[in-house]
Amino acid sequence: MVSICKRILPLFLVAMLGVPSHARAESGDFHLGVYGGKAAKERMLDILTRYNTGFIDSYLVAIAPGYVFRRGPNTRHEVEGQVVYHWGEQNHWEFNVAYLLRWMTFPWDQYVDTRVAVGAGVSWATEVPFIEPRAKELGEQESTQLLGYVAVEIELAPPRESAWSGFIRLHHRSSAYGLFDDTRGGSNFITLGTRYHF
């Protein structure tokens, strides 16, 4: 865990120190999201490229406060925390912190304000998640409590400035190809949510 922190902390500090002071907090920089969903059987790349998956009897609900710490002409840079509760085939809590890069501009925004975000961070589960060793019969190693977190999200809002938006998110935990642990376990949840912008 110490070696992981040594790898991630410098990147986080560089990102934060690189934010110009004039780009920091302004009105509307805080938001609060709530989302829930069901575990998918397929791996993340299969879900994103084939748009098709079966499901596992495992569910989550999450509350996710966020902060926009930098704005560009077409982008927002955000940090988000998450408190997640799991039930079904697994029953535990999960705590995540992630950086998200959100693309804000699309040609059809006058009809549906569309934003696409990708994010990465760290995820801590209060116990080793039951569904994450994805193929025990193939000899894959157990998962661990501390893994990497990835979010892929499409957010939709009314075309004029609105405090509310809705989103679809892929909520992913894995070892990030061995960055966090020497394990091939992981999980994917397809979720729906709503967000309020302060």
N, C-alpha and C. Protein backbone atom coordinates (compact mmCIF):
# COMPACT_ATOMS: atom_id res chain seq x y z
N MET A 1 0.82 -1.20 0.00
CA MET A 1 0.00 0.00 0.00
C MET A 1 0.86 1.26 0.00
N VAL A 2 1.96 1.25 0.75
CA VAL A 2 2.85 2.41 0.79
C VAL A 2 3.42 2.70 -0.58
N SER A 3 3.83 1.64 -1.32
CA SER A 3 4.39 1.85 -2.65
C SER A 3 3.36 2.43 -3.60
N ILE A 4 2.09 2.04 -3.43
CA ILE A 4 1.03 2.59 -4.27
C ILE A 4 0.88 4.08 -4.01
N CYS A 5 0.85 4.46 -2.74
CA CYS A 5 0.72 5.86 -2.38
C CYS A 5 1.88 6.68 -2.93
N LYS A 6 3.08 6.10 -2.91
CA LYS A 6 4.25 6.81 -3.45
C LYS A 6 4.11 7.05 -4.94
N ARG A 7 3.42 6.15 -5.65
CA ARG A 7 3.23 6.32 -7.09
C ARG A 7 2.15 7.35 -7.40
N ILE A 8 1.08 7.34 -6.63
CA ILE A 8 -0.09 8.15 -6.95
C ILE A 8 0.01 9.56 -6.41
N LEU A 9 0.51 9.73 -5.19
CA LEU A 9 0.54 11.05 -4.55
C LEU A 9 1.27 12.10 -5.38
N PRO A 10 2.45 11.83 -5.95
CA PRO A 10 3.11 12.86 -6.77
C PRO A 10 2.26 13.29 -7.96
N LEU A 11 1.57 12.36 -8.61
CA LEU A 11 0.72 12.71 -9.75
C LEU A 11 -0.42 13.62 -9.32
N PHE A 12 -1.02 13.31 -8.17
CA PHE A 12 -2.11 14.13 -7.66
C PHE A 12 -1.62 15.54 -7.33
N LEU A 13 -0.46 15.64 -6.67
CA LEU A 13 0.07 16.95 -6.30
C LEU A 13 0.43 17.78 -7.52
N VAL A 14 1.01 17.15 -8.54
CA VAL A 14 1.34 17.87 -9.77
C VAL A 14 0.08 18.41 -10.42
N ALA A 15 -0.97 17.58 -10.45
CA ALA A 15 -2.24 18.02 -11.05
C ALA A 15 -2.81 19.21 -10.29
N MET A 16 -2.80 19.16 -8.96
CA MET A 16 -3.37 20.24 -8.17
C MET A 16 -2.54 21.52 -8.24
N LEU A 17 -1.21 21.39 -8.19
CA LEU A 17 -0.34 22.55 -8.23
C LEU A 17 -0.34 23.22 -9.59
N GLY A 18 -0.65 22.44 -10.62
CA GLY A 18 -0.69 22.98 -11.98
C GLY A 18 -1.94 23.76 -12.29
N VAL A 19 -2.88 23.85 -11.36
CA VAL A 19 -4.13 24.58 -11.61
C VAL A 19 -3.91 26.06 -11.34
N PRO A 20 -4.09 26.92 -12.33
CA PRO A 20 -3.93 28.35 -12.09
C PRO A 20 -4.94 28.84 -11.06
N SER A 21 -4.54 29.86 -10.28
CA SER A 21 -5.42 30.34 -9.22
C SER A 21 -6.73 30.87 -9.77
N HIS A 22 -6.71 31.50 -10.96
CA HIS A 22 -7.95 32.05 -11.51
C HIS A 22 -8.90 30.96 -11.98
N ALA A 23 -8.39 29.72 -12.11
CA ALA A 23 -9.24 28.62 -12.57
C ALA A 23 -9.89 27.87 -11.42
N ARG A 24 -9.59 28.28 -10.20
CA ARG A 24 -10.13 27.57 -9.06
C ARG A 24 -11.56 28.01 -8.77
N ALA A 25 -12.06 27.63 -7.60
CA ALA A 25 -13.50 27.63 -7.29
C ALA A 25 -14.25 28.86 -7.80
N GLU A 26 -15.40 28.59 -8.39
CA GLU A 26 -16.35 29.61 -8.78
C GLU A 26 -17.73 29.02 -8.60
N SER A 27 -18.75 29.84 -8.78
CA SER A 27 -20.11 29.37 -8.58
C SER A 27 -20.41 28.15 -9.43
N GLY A 28 -21.03 27.16 -8.84
CA GLY A 28 -21.38 25.95 -9.58
C GLY A 28 -20.28 24.91 -9.58
N ASP A 29 -19.28 25.08 -8.75
CA ASP A 29 -18.15 24.15 -8.76
C ASP A 29 -18.39 22.89 -7.94
N PHE A 30 -19.41 22.87 -7.11
CA PHE A 30 -19.69 21.69 -6.31
C PHE A 30 -20.91 20.96 -6.87
N HIS A 31 -20.90 19.65 -6.77
CA HIS A 31 -22.06 18.87 -7.19
C HIS A 31 -22.19 17.63 -6.32
N LEU A 32 -23.39 17.08 -6.30
CA LEU A 32 -23.68 15.89 -5.51
C LEU A 32 -24.45 14.91 -6.39
N GLY A 33 -23.90 13.72 -6.55
CA GLY A 33 -24.54 12.70 -7.35
C GLY A 33 -24.99 11.51 -6.51
N VAL A 34 -26.05 10.87 -6.96
CA VAL A 34 -26.53 9.63 -6.36
C VAL A 34 -26.78 8.67 -7.51
N TYR A 35 -26.25 7.45 -7.39
CA TYR A 35 -26.47 6.49 -8.47
C TYR A 35 -26.53 5.07 -7.92
N GLY A 36 -27.12 4.20 -8.73
CA GLY A 36 -27.24 2.80 -8.35
C GLY A 36 -27.26 1.92 -9.58
N GLY A 37 -26.93 0.65 -9.39
CA GLY A 37 -26.91 -0.25 -10.54
C GLY A 37 -26.63 -1.68 -10.18
N LYS A 38 -26.40 -2.47 -11.21
CA LYS A 38 -26.26 -3.92 -11.08
C LYS A 38 -24.94 -4.37 -11.71
N ALA A 39 -24.37 -5.44 -11.14
CA ALA A 39 -23.08 -5.94 -11.62
C ALA A 39 -23.22 -6.63 -12.97
N ALA A 40 -22.28 -6.34 -13.85
CA ALA A 40 -22.24 -6.94 -15.19
C ALA A 40 -21.33 -8.17 -15.18
N LYS A 41 -21.63 -9.12 -16.04
CA LYS A 41 -20.80 -10.32 -16.15
C LYS A 41 -19.53 -10.08 -16.96
N GLU A 42 -19.61 -9.21 -17.96
CA GLU A 42 -18.49 -9.03 -18.89
C GLU A 42 -17.43 -8.10 -18.30
N ARG A 43 -16.27 -8.14 -18.93
CA ARG A 43 -15.18 -7.25 -18.55
C ARG A 43 -15.42 -5.86 -19.14
N MET A 44 -14.71 -4.85 -18.61
CA MET A 44 -14.96 -3.47 -18.98
C MET A 44 -14.85 -3.22 -20.48
N LEU A 45 -13.77 -3.67 -21.10
CA LEU A 45 -13.59 -3.41 -22.53
C LEU A 45 -14.66 -4.08 -23.37
N ASP A 46 -15.11 -5.25 -22.96
CA ASP A 46 -16.19 -5.92 -23.68
C ASP A 46 -17.49 -5.13 -23.56
N ILE A 47 -17.76 -4.59 -22.39
CA ILE A 47 -18.98 -3.80 -22.20
C ILE A 47 -18.94 -2.55 -23.07
N LEU A 48 -17.78 -1.86 -23.09
CA LEU A 48 -17.67 -0.60 -23.81
C LEU A 48 -17.63 -0.78 -25.33
N THR A 49 -17.17 -1.92 -25.80
CA THR A 49 -17.06 -2.11 -27.25
C THR A 49 -18.20 -2.92 -27.85
N ARG A 50 -18.81 -3.81 -27.06
CA ARG A 50 -19.90 -4.63 -27.58
C ARG A 50 -21.28 -4.16 -27.14
N TYR A 51 -21.32 -3.28 -26.14
CA TYR A 51 -22.58 -2.72 -25.63
C TYR A 51 -23.58 -3.81 -25.24
N ASN A 52 -23.06 -4.90 -24.69
CA ASN A 52 -23.93 -6.01 -24.34
C ASN A 52 -23.29 -6.81 -23.21
N THR A 53 -24.10 -7.16 -22.22
CA THR A 53 -23.60 -7.97 -21.12
C THR A 53 -24.75 -8.64 -20.39
N GLY A 54 -24.46 -9.74 -19.75
CA GLY A 54 -25.40 -10.31 -18.79
C GLY A 54 -25.17 -9.65 -17.44
N PHE A 55 -25.95 -10.06 -16.45
CA PHE A 55 -25.84 -9.43 -15.14
C PHE A 55 -25.72 -10.46 -14.04
N ILE A 56 -25.18 -10.01 -12.91
CA ILE A 56 -25.00 -10.82 -11.70
C ILE A 56 -25.95 -10.26 -10.64
N ASP A 57 -26.42 -11.11 -9.75
CA ASP A 57 -27.34 -10.68 -8.70
C ASP A 57 -26.59 -9.94 -7.60
N SER A 58 -25.99 -8.82 -7.98
CA SER A 58 -25.22 -7.99 -7.04
C SER A 58 -25.48 -6.53 -7.39
N TYR A 59 -25.73 -5.71 -6.38
CA TYR A 59 -26.21 -4.35 -6.59
C TYR A 59 -25.38 -3.36 -5.77
N LEU A 60 -25.42 -2.09 -6.20
CA LEU A 60 -24.80 -1.03 -5.40
C LEU A 60 -25.65 0.22 -5.47
N VAL A 61 -25.48 1.05 -4.45
CA VAL A 61 -25.99 2.42 -4.45
C VAL A 61 -24.88 3.30 -3.91
N ALA A 62 -24.72 4.49 -4.50
CA ALA A 62 -23.59 5.35 -4.13
C ALA A 62 -24.04 6.79 -3.99
N ILE A 63 -23.39 7.49 -3.08
CA ILE A 63 -23.51 8.94 -2.99
C ILE A 63 -22.14 9.51 -3.30
N ALA A 64 -22.09 10.53 -4.19
CA ALA A 64 -20.81 10.96 -4.74
C ALA A 64 -20.72 12.48 -4.81
N PRO A 65 -20.19 13.13 -3.77
CA PRO A 65 -19.94 14.57 -3.85
C PRO A 65 -18.71 14.84 -4.72
N GLY A 66 -18.77 15.96 -5.45
CA GLY A 66 -17.65 16.29 -6.33
C GLY A 66 -17.35 17.78 -6.33
N TYR A 67 -16.16 18.10 -6.83
CA TYR A 67 -15.69 19.49 -6.87
C TYR A 67 -14.95 19.72 -8.18
N VAL A 68 -15.32 20.78 -8.90
CA VAL A 68 -14.64 21.17 -10.14
C VAL A 68 -13.48 22.08 -9.76
N PHE A 69 -12.24 21.61 -9.94
CA PHE A 69 -11.10 22.42 -9.53
C PHE A 69 -10.43 23.15 -10.68
N ARG A 70 -10.86 22.86 -11.91
CA ARG A 70 -10.29 23.58 -13.06
C ARG A 70 -11.25 23.48 -14.23
N ARG A 71 -11.36 24.58 -14.98
CA ARG A 71 -12.19 24.61 -16.18
C ARG A 71 -11.35 25.02 -17.37
N GLY A 72 -11.57 24.35 -18.50
CA GLY A 72 -10.95 24.73 -19.75
C GLY A 72 -12.04 25.18 -20.71
N PRO A 73 -11.68 25.52 -21.94
CA PRO A 73 -12.69 25.95 -22.91
C PRO A 73 -13.77 24.90 -23.16
N ASN A 74 -13.38 23.62 -23.18
CA ASN A 74 -14.32 22.54 -23.44
C ASN A 74 -14.32 21.46 -22.37
N THR A 75 -13.56 21.66 -21.30
CA THR A 75 -13.38 20.58 -20.32
C THR A 75 -13.60 21.08 -18.91
N ARG A 76 -13.84 20.11 -18.01
CA ARG A 76 -13.84 20.34 -16.57
C ARG A 76 -12.97 19.28 -15.94
N HIS A 77 -12.17 19.69 -14.96
CA HIS A 77 -11.35 18.76 -14.19
C HIS A 77 -11.96 18.68 -12.80
N GLU A 78 -12.27 17.46 -12.35
CA GLU A 78 -13.02 17.29 -11.12
C GLU A 78 -12.35 16.27 -10.21
N VAL A 79 -12.62 16.40 -8.93
CA VAL A 79 -12.27 15.37 -7.97
C VAL A 79 -13.58 14.93 -7.31
N GLU A 80 -13.72 13.62 -7.13
CA GLU A 80 -14.98 13.09 -6.61
C GLU A 80 -14.70 12.05 -5.54
N GLY A 81 -15.47 12.09 -4.47
CA GLY A 81 -15.45 11.05 -3.45
C GLY A 81 -16.72 10.22 -3.56
N GLN A 82 -16.68 8.99 -3.10
CA GLN A 82 -17.85 8.11 -3.18
C GLN A 82 -17.96 7.26 -1.92
N VAL A 83 -19.18 7.15 -1.44
CA VAL A 83 -19.51 6.18 -0.39
C VAL A 83 -20.51 5.22 -1.03
N VAL A 84 -20.15 3.94 -1.09
CA VAL A 84 -20.91 2.95 -1.86
C VAL A 84 -21.34 1.81 -0.94
N TYR A 85 -22.58 1.39 -1.09
CA TYR A 85 -23.06 0.23 -0.35
C TYR A 85 -23.43 -0.88 -1.33
N HIS A 86 -22.95 -2.10 -1.07
CA HIS A 86 -23.21 -3.27 -1.91
C HIS A 86 -24.14 -4.24 -1.20
N TRP A 87 -25.04 -4.87 -1.95
CA TRP A 87 -25.85 -5.97 -1.42
C TRP A 87 -26.16 -6.95 -2.55
N GLY A 88 -26.68 -8.10 -2.16
CA GLY A 88 -26.92 -9.18 -3.11
C GLY A 88 -25.90 -10.28 -2.86
N GLU A 89 -25.15 -10.66 -3.88
CA GLU A 89 -24.12 -11.70 -3.72
C GLU A 89 -22.96 -11.25 -2.85
N GLN A 90 -22.83 -9.95 -2.64
CA GLN A 90 -21.80 -9.44 -1.72
C GLN A 90 -22.44 -8.33 -0.89
N ASN A 91 -21.94 -8.18 0.33
CA ASN A 91 -22.53 -7.22 1.24
C ASN A 91 -21.41 -6.51 1.99
N HIS A 92 -21.09 -5.29 1.55
CA HIS A 92 -20.02 -4.53 2.20
C HIS A 92 -20.12 -3.07 1.75
N TRP A 93 -19.24 -2.24 2.32
CA TRP A 93 -19.11 -0.83 1.94
C TRP A 93 -17.87 -0.66 1.08
N GLU A 94 -17.88 0.40 0.27
CA GLU A 94 -16.75 0.74 -0.60
C GLU A 94 -16.56 2.25 -0.56
N PHE A 95 -15.29 2.70 -0.50
CA PHE A 95 -14.98 4.12 -0.44
C PHE A 95 -13.98 4.43 -1.54
N ASN A 96 -14.31 5.43 -2.38
CA ASN A 96 -13.48 5.75 -3.54
C ASN A 96 -13.15 7.23 -3.59
N VAL A 97 -11.99 7.54 -4.15
CA VAL A 97 -11.62 8.91 -4.50
C VAL A 97 -11.08 8.86 -5.92
N ALA A 98 -11.58 9.78 -6.78
CA ALA A 98 -11.19 9.72 -8.19
C ALA A 98 -11.04 11.12 -8.79
N TYR A 99 -10.18 11.20 -9.79
CA TYR A 99 -10.06 12.38 -10.66
C TYR A 99 -10.86 12.10 -11.92
N LEU A 100 -11.67 13.07 -12.37
CA LEU A 100 -12.45 12.92 -13.59
C LEU A 100 -12.16 14.07 -14.54
N LEU A 101 -11.99 13.72 -15.80
CA LEU A 101 -11.89 14.71 -16.88
C LEU A 101 -13.19 14.64 -17.67
N ARG A 102 -13.88 15.79 -17.75
CA ARG A 102 -15.21 15.81 -18.39
C ARG A 102 -15.18 16.71 -19.63
N TRP A 103 -15.56 16.14 -20.79
CA TRP A 103 -15.67 16.91 -22.03
C TRP A 103 -17.07 17.51 -22.07
N MET A 104 -17.16 18.83 -22.26
CA MET A 104 -18.42 19.54 -22.06
C MET A 104 -19.14 19.97 -23.33
N THR A 105 -18.51 19.88 -24.49
CA THR A 105 -19.05 20.50 -25.70
C THR A 105 -19.35 19.48 -26.78
N PHE A 106 -20.60 19.48 -27.25
CA PHE A 106 -21.03 18.65 -28.37
C PHE A 106 -21.92 19.48 -29.29
N PRO A 107 -21.97 19.14 -30.59
CA PRO A 107 -22.74 19.96 -31.55
C PRO A 107 -24.23 20.04 -31.25
N TRP A 108 -24.79 19.05 -30.56
CA TRP A 108 -26.23 19.00 -30.30
C TRP A 108 -26.61 19.52 -28.92
N ASP A 109 -25.70 20.24 -28.26
CA ASP A 109 -25.98 20.70 -26.91
C ASP A 109 -27.18 21.64 -26.82
N GLN A 110 -27.56 22.29 -27.93
CA GLN A 110 -28.74 23.15 -27.90
C GLN A 110 -30.03 22.35 -27.73
N TYR A 111 -29.96 21.05 -27.98
CA TYR A 111 -31.12 20.18 -27.81
C TYR A 111 -31.02 19.34 -26.52
N VAL A 112 -29.87 18.71 -26.32
CA VAL A 112 -29.59 17.95 -25.10
C VAL A 112 -28.15 18.25 -24.68
N ASP A 113 -27.98 18.89 -23.56
CA ASP A 113 -26.64 19.21 -23.07
C ASP A 113 -25.95 17.91 -22.67
N THR A 114 -24.90 17.56 -23.40
CA THR A 114 -24.24 16.26 -23.24
C THR A 114 -22.82 16.45 -22.75
N ARG A 115 -22.41 15.61 -21.81
CA ARG A 115 -21.04 15.66 -21.29
C ARG A 115 -20.56 14.22 -21.13
N VAL A 116 -19.31 14.00 -21.44
CA VAL A 116 -18.71 12.66 -21.32
C VAL A 116 -17.51 12.76 -20.39
N ALA A 117 -17.44 11.84 -19.44
CA ALA A 117 -16.35 11.87 -18.45
C ALA A 117 -15.66 10.52 -18.35
N VAL A 118 -14.36 10.57 -18.12
CA VAL A 118 -13.59 9.38 -17.74
C VAL A 118 -12.82 9.75 -16.48
N GLY A 119 -12.66 8.78 -15.60
CA GLY A 119 -11.98 9.07 -14.35
C GLY A 119 -11.23 7.87 -13.82
N ALA A 120 -10.29 8.15 -12.93
CA ALA A 120 -9.50 7.08 -12.31
C ALA A 120 -9.12 7.50 -10.90
N GLY A 121 -8.99 6.50 -10.04
CA GLY A 121 -8.62 6.77 -8.67
C GLY A 121 -8.36 5.50 -7.90
N VAL A 122 -8.64 5.54 -6.61
CA VAL A 122 -8.42 4.38 -5.74
C VAL A 122 -9.73 3.99 -5.09
N SER A 123 -9.85 2.69 -4.80
CA SER A 123 -11.07 2.13 -4.22
C SER A 123 -10.72 1.21 -3.07
N TRP A 124 -11.39 1.40 -1.93
CA TRP A 124 -11.18 0.56 -0.75
C TRP A 124 -12.49 -0.09 -0.36
N ALA A 125 -12.54 -1.41 -0.32
CA ALA A 125 -13.72 -2.15 0.13
C ALA A 125 -13.48 -2.63 1.56
N THR A 126 -14.55 -2.64 2.36
CA THR A 126 -14.40 -3.03 3.75
C THR A 126 -14.13 -4.52 3.91
N GLU A 127 -14.36 -5.31 2.86
CA GLU A 127 -13.94 -6.71 2.82
C GLU A 127 -13.67 -7.07 1.37
N VAL A 128 -12.98 -8.18 1.14
CA VAL A 128 -12.69 -8.59 -0.24
C VAL A 128 -14.01 -8.91 -0.93
N PRO A 129 -14.36 -8.19 -2.01
CA PRO A 129 -15.64 -8.41 -2.67
C PRO A 129 -15.79 -9.83 -3.22
N PHE A 130 -16.93 -10.43 -2.92
CA PHE A 130 -17.17 -11.83 -3.26
C PHE A 130 -17.15 -12.08 -4.77
N ILE A 131 -17.66 -11.14 -5.57
CA ILE A 131 -17.78 -11.39 -7.02
C ILE A 131 -16.52 -11.06 -7.80
N GLU A 132 -15.51 -10.49 -7.17
CA GLU A 132 -14.37 -10.00 -7.95
C GLU A 132 -13.40 -11.07 -8.44
N PRO A 133 -13.15 -12.16 -7.74
CA PRO A 133 -12.36 -13.22 -8.39
C PRO A 133 -13.20 -13.78 -9.55
N ARG A 134 -12.89 -13.36 -10.78
CA ARG A 134 -13.84 -13.51 -11.88
C ARG A 134 -13.94 -14.93 -12.41
N ALA A 135 -12.94 -15.75 -12.17
CA ALA A 135 -13.01 -17.12 -12.69
C ALA A 135 -12.17 -18.03 -11.82
N LYS A 136 -12.67 -18.35 -10.64
CA LYS A 136 -11.91 -19.17 -9.70
C LYS A 136 -11.55 -20.52 -10.30
N GLU A 137 -12.44 -21.05 -11.14
CA GLU A 137 -12.18 -22.36 -11.73
C GLU A 137 -11.01 -22.33 -12.70
N LEU A 138 -10.63 -21.13 -13.17
CA LEU A 138 -9.48 -21.00 -14.06
C LEU A 138 -8.20 -20.66 -13.30
N GLY A 139 -8.29 -20.60 -12.00
CA GLY A 139 -7.11 -20.36 -11.19
C GLY A 139 -6.77 -18.89 -10.99
N GLU A 140 -7.70 -17.99 -11.30
CA GLU A 140 -7.42 -16.58 -11.09
C GLU A 140 -7.33 -16.29 -9.59
N GLN A 141 -6.44 -15.38 -9.24
CA GLN A 141 -6.21 -15.07 -7.84
C GLN A 141 -7.39 -14.30 -7.24
N GLU A 142 -7.48 -14.37 -5.92
CA GLU A 142 -8.49 -13.59 -5.22
C GLU A 142 -8.26 -12.10 -5.45
N SER A 143 -9.32 -11.34 -5.30
CA SER A 143 -9.21 -9.90 -5.36
C SER A 143 -8.65 -9.39 -4.03
N THR A 144 -8.54 -8.08 -3.87
CA THR A 144 -8.07 -7.47 -2.63
C THR A 144 -8.97 -6.29 -2.28
N GLN A 145 -8.84 -5.81 -1.07
CA GLN A 145 -9.66 -4.69 -0.64
C GLN A 145 -9.30 -3.40 -1.35
N LEU A 146 -8.01 -3.15 -1.57
CA LEU A 146 -7.56 -1.93 -2.23
C LEU A 146 -7.29 -2.20 -3.69
N LEU A 147 -8.03 -1.53 -4.56
CA LEU A 147 -7.84 -1.68 -6.01
C LEU A 147 -7.95 -0.31 -6.67
N GLY A 148 -7.70 -0.29 -7.96
CA GLY A 148 -7.92 0.92 -8.73
C GLY A 148 -9.39 1.10 -9.06
N TYR A 149 -9.79 2.33 -9.28
CA TYR A 149 -11.17 2.65 -9.65
C TYR A 149 -11.17 3.38 -10.98
N VAL A 150 -12.11 3.03 -11.86
CA VAL A 150 -12.28 3.72 -13.14
C VAL A 150 -13.77 4.01 -13.32
N ALA A 151 -14.07 5.20 -13.83
CA ALA A 151 -15.44 5.57 -14.18
C ALA A 151 -15.48 6.00 -15.63
N VAL A 152 -16.49 5.55 -16.35
CA VAL A 152 -16.78 6.02 -17.71
C VAL A 152 -18.24 6.46 -17.68
N GLU A 153 -18.51 7.72 -18.06
CA GLU A 153 -19.83 8.27 -17.82
C GLU A 153 -20.32 9.13 -18.98
N ILE A 154 -21.62 9.05 -19.25
CA ILE A 154 -22.32 9.98 -20.14
C ILE A 154 -23.36 10.70 -19.30
N GLU A 155 -23.28 12.05 -19.30
CA GLU A 155 -24.19 12.87 -18.52
C GLU A 155 -25.07 13.68 -19.46
N LEU A 156 -26.37 13.76 -19.17
CA LEU A 156 -27.32 14.49 -20.00
C LEU A 156 -28.09 15.48 -19.13
N ALA A 157 -28.35 16.67 -19.71
CA ALA A 157 -29.07 17.71 -18.98
C ALA A 157 -29.93 18.50 -19.95
N PRO A 158 -30.92 19.27 -19.44
CA PRO A 158 -31.69 20.15 -20.32
C PRO A 158 -30.78 21.13 -21.04
N PRO A 159 -31.20 21.61 -22.24
CA PRO A 159 -30.31 22.45 -23.06
C PRO A 159 -29.96 23.79 -22.45
N ARG A 160 -30.79 24.32 -21.57
CA ARG A 160 -30.46 25.58 -20.90
C ARG A 160 -29.91 25.27 -19.51
N GLU A 161 -29.20 26.22 -18.96
CA GLU A 161 -28.55 26.01 -17.66
C GLU A 161 -29.52 25.39 -16.66
N SER A 162 -29.19 24.22 -16.18
CA SER A 162 -30.03 23.52 -15.21
C SER A 162 -29.15 23.00 -14.09
N ALA A 163 -29.66 23.05 -12.87
CA ALA A 163 -28.90 22.53 -11.73
C ALA A 163 -28.91 21.01 -11.72
N TRP A 164 -29.85 20.39 -12.45
CA TRP A 164 -30.00 18.93 -12.42
C TRP A 164 -29.51 18.29 -13.70
N SER A 165 -28.97 17.09 -13.58
CA SER A 165 -28.60 16.29 -14.74
C SER A 165 -28.77 14.82 -14.39
N GLY A 166 -28.81 13.99 -15.42
CA GLY A 166 -28.85 12.55 -15.23
C GLY A 166 -27.64 11.92 -15.90
N PHE A 167 -27.25 10.72 -15.48
CA PHE A 167 -26.07 10.12 -16.09
C PHE A 167 -26.14 8.59 -16.06
N ILE A 168 -25.40 8.01 -16.98
CA ILE A 168 -25.13 6.57 -17.03
C ILE A 168 -23.65 6.40 -16.76
N ARG A 169 -23.29 5.52 -15.83
CA ARG A 169 -21.88 5.35 -15.47
C ARG A 169 -21.51 3.88 -15.39
N LEU A 170 -20.35 3.56 -15.92
CA LEU A 170 -19.72 2.26 -15.68
C LEU A 170 -18.79 2.43 -14.49
N HIS A 171 -19.07 1.70 -13.42
CA HIS A 171 -18.34 1.77 -12.15
C HIS A 171 -17.44 0.54 -12.09
N HIS A 172 -16.12 0.75 -12.15
CA HIS A 172 -15.18 -0.36 -12.37
C HIS A 172 -14.11 -0.39 -11.27
N ARG A 173 -13.83 -1.58 -10.75
CA ARG A 173 -12.71 -1.83 -9.83
C ARG A 173 -11.81 -2.89 -10.43
N SER A 174 -10.49 -2.65 -10.38
CA SER A 174 -9.56 -3.69 -10.82
C SER A 174 -8.16 -3.34 -10.33
N SER A 175 -7.21 -4.23 -10.61
CA SER A 175 -5.82 -4.00 -10.19
C SER A 175 -5.07 -3.08 -11.14
N ALA A 176 -5.71 -2.62 -12.22
CA ALA A 176 -5.06 -1.74 -13.21
C ALA A 176 -3.80 -2.40 -13.75
N TYR A 177 -3.97 -3.65 -14.23
CA TYR A 177 -2.87 -4.43 -14.82
C TYR A 177 -1.69 -4.56 -13.86
N GLY A 178 -2.00 -4.80 -12.59
CA GLY A 178 -0.96 -5.07 -11.61
C GLY A 178 -0.43 -3.85 -10.87
N LEU A 179 -0.94 -2.65 -11.17
CA LEU A 179 -0.47 -1.44 -10.48
C LEU A 179 -0.78 -1.50 -8.99
N PHE A 180 -1.95 -2.04 -8.63
CA PHE A 180 -2.37 -2.07 -7.23
C PHE A 180 -2.08 -3.40 -6.55
N ASP A 181 -2.18 -4.49 -7.27
CA ASP A 181 -1.91 -5.78 -6.67
C ASP A 181 -1.76 -6.80 -7.79
N ASP A 182 -1.12 -7.89 -7.49
CA ASP A 182 -0.92 -8.94 -8.48
C ASP A 182 -2.14 -9.85 -8.50
N THR A 183 -3.24 -9.30 -8.99
CA THR A 183 -4.48 -10.05 -9.05
C THR A 183 -5.22 -9.71 -10.33
N ARG A 184 -6.03 -10.62 -10.82
CA ARG A 184 -6.81 -10.38 -12.02
C ARG A 184 -8.29 -10.21 -11.69
N GLY A 185 -8.60 -10.05 -10.41
CA GLY A 185 -9.98 -9.83 -10.01
C GLY A 185 -10.45 -8.44 -10.39
N GLY A 186 -11.76 -8.27 -10.41
CA GLY A 186 -12.33 -6.97 -10.71
C GLY A 186 -13.83 -7.05 -10.82
N SER A 187 -14.47 -5.90 -10.93
CA SER A 187 -15.92 -5.87 -11.06
C SER A 187 -16.35 -4.67 -11.88
N ASN A 188 -17.51 -4.80 -12.52
CA ASN A 188 -18.11 -3.74 -13.31
C ASN A 188 -19.58 -3.63 -12.94
N PHE A 189 -20.04 -2.41 -12.69
CA PHE A 189 -21.44 -2.16 -12.43
C PHE A 189 -21.95 -1.13 -13.44
N ILE A 190 -23.06 -1.42 -14.06
CA ILE A 190 -23.70 -0.46 -14.95
C ILE A 190 -24.76 0.26 -14.13
N THR A 191 -24.64 1.59 -14.06
CA THR A 191 -25.45 2.35 -13.12
C THR A 191 -26.16 3.52 -13.80
N LEU A 192 -27.23 3.96 -13.16
CA LEU A 192 -27.95 5.17 -13.53
C LEU A 192 -27.95 6.10 -12.33
N GLY A 193 -27.88 7.42 -12.59
CA GLY A 193 -27.86 8.34 -11.47
C GLY A 193 -28.37 9.71 -11.83
N THR A 194 -28.45 10.56 -10.81
CA THR A 194 -28.81 11.96 -10.98
C THR A 194 -27.83 12.82 -10.20
N ARG A 195 -27.64 14.06 -10.65
CA ARG A 195 -26.65 14.94 -10.03
C ARG A 195 -27.23 16.35 -9.90
N TYR A 196 -26.94 16.96 -8.76
CA TYR A 196 -27.34 18.35 -8.54
C TYR A 196 -26.09 19.22 -8.45
N HIS A 197 -26.07 20.32 -9.21
CA HIS A 197 -24.92 21.22 -9.27
C HIS A 197 -25.21 22.45 -8.43
N PHE A 198 -24.33 22.73 -7.47
CA PHE A 198 -24.53 23.89 -6.58
C PHE A 198 -23.95 25.16 -7.18
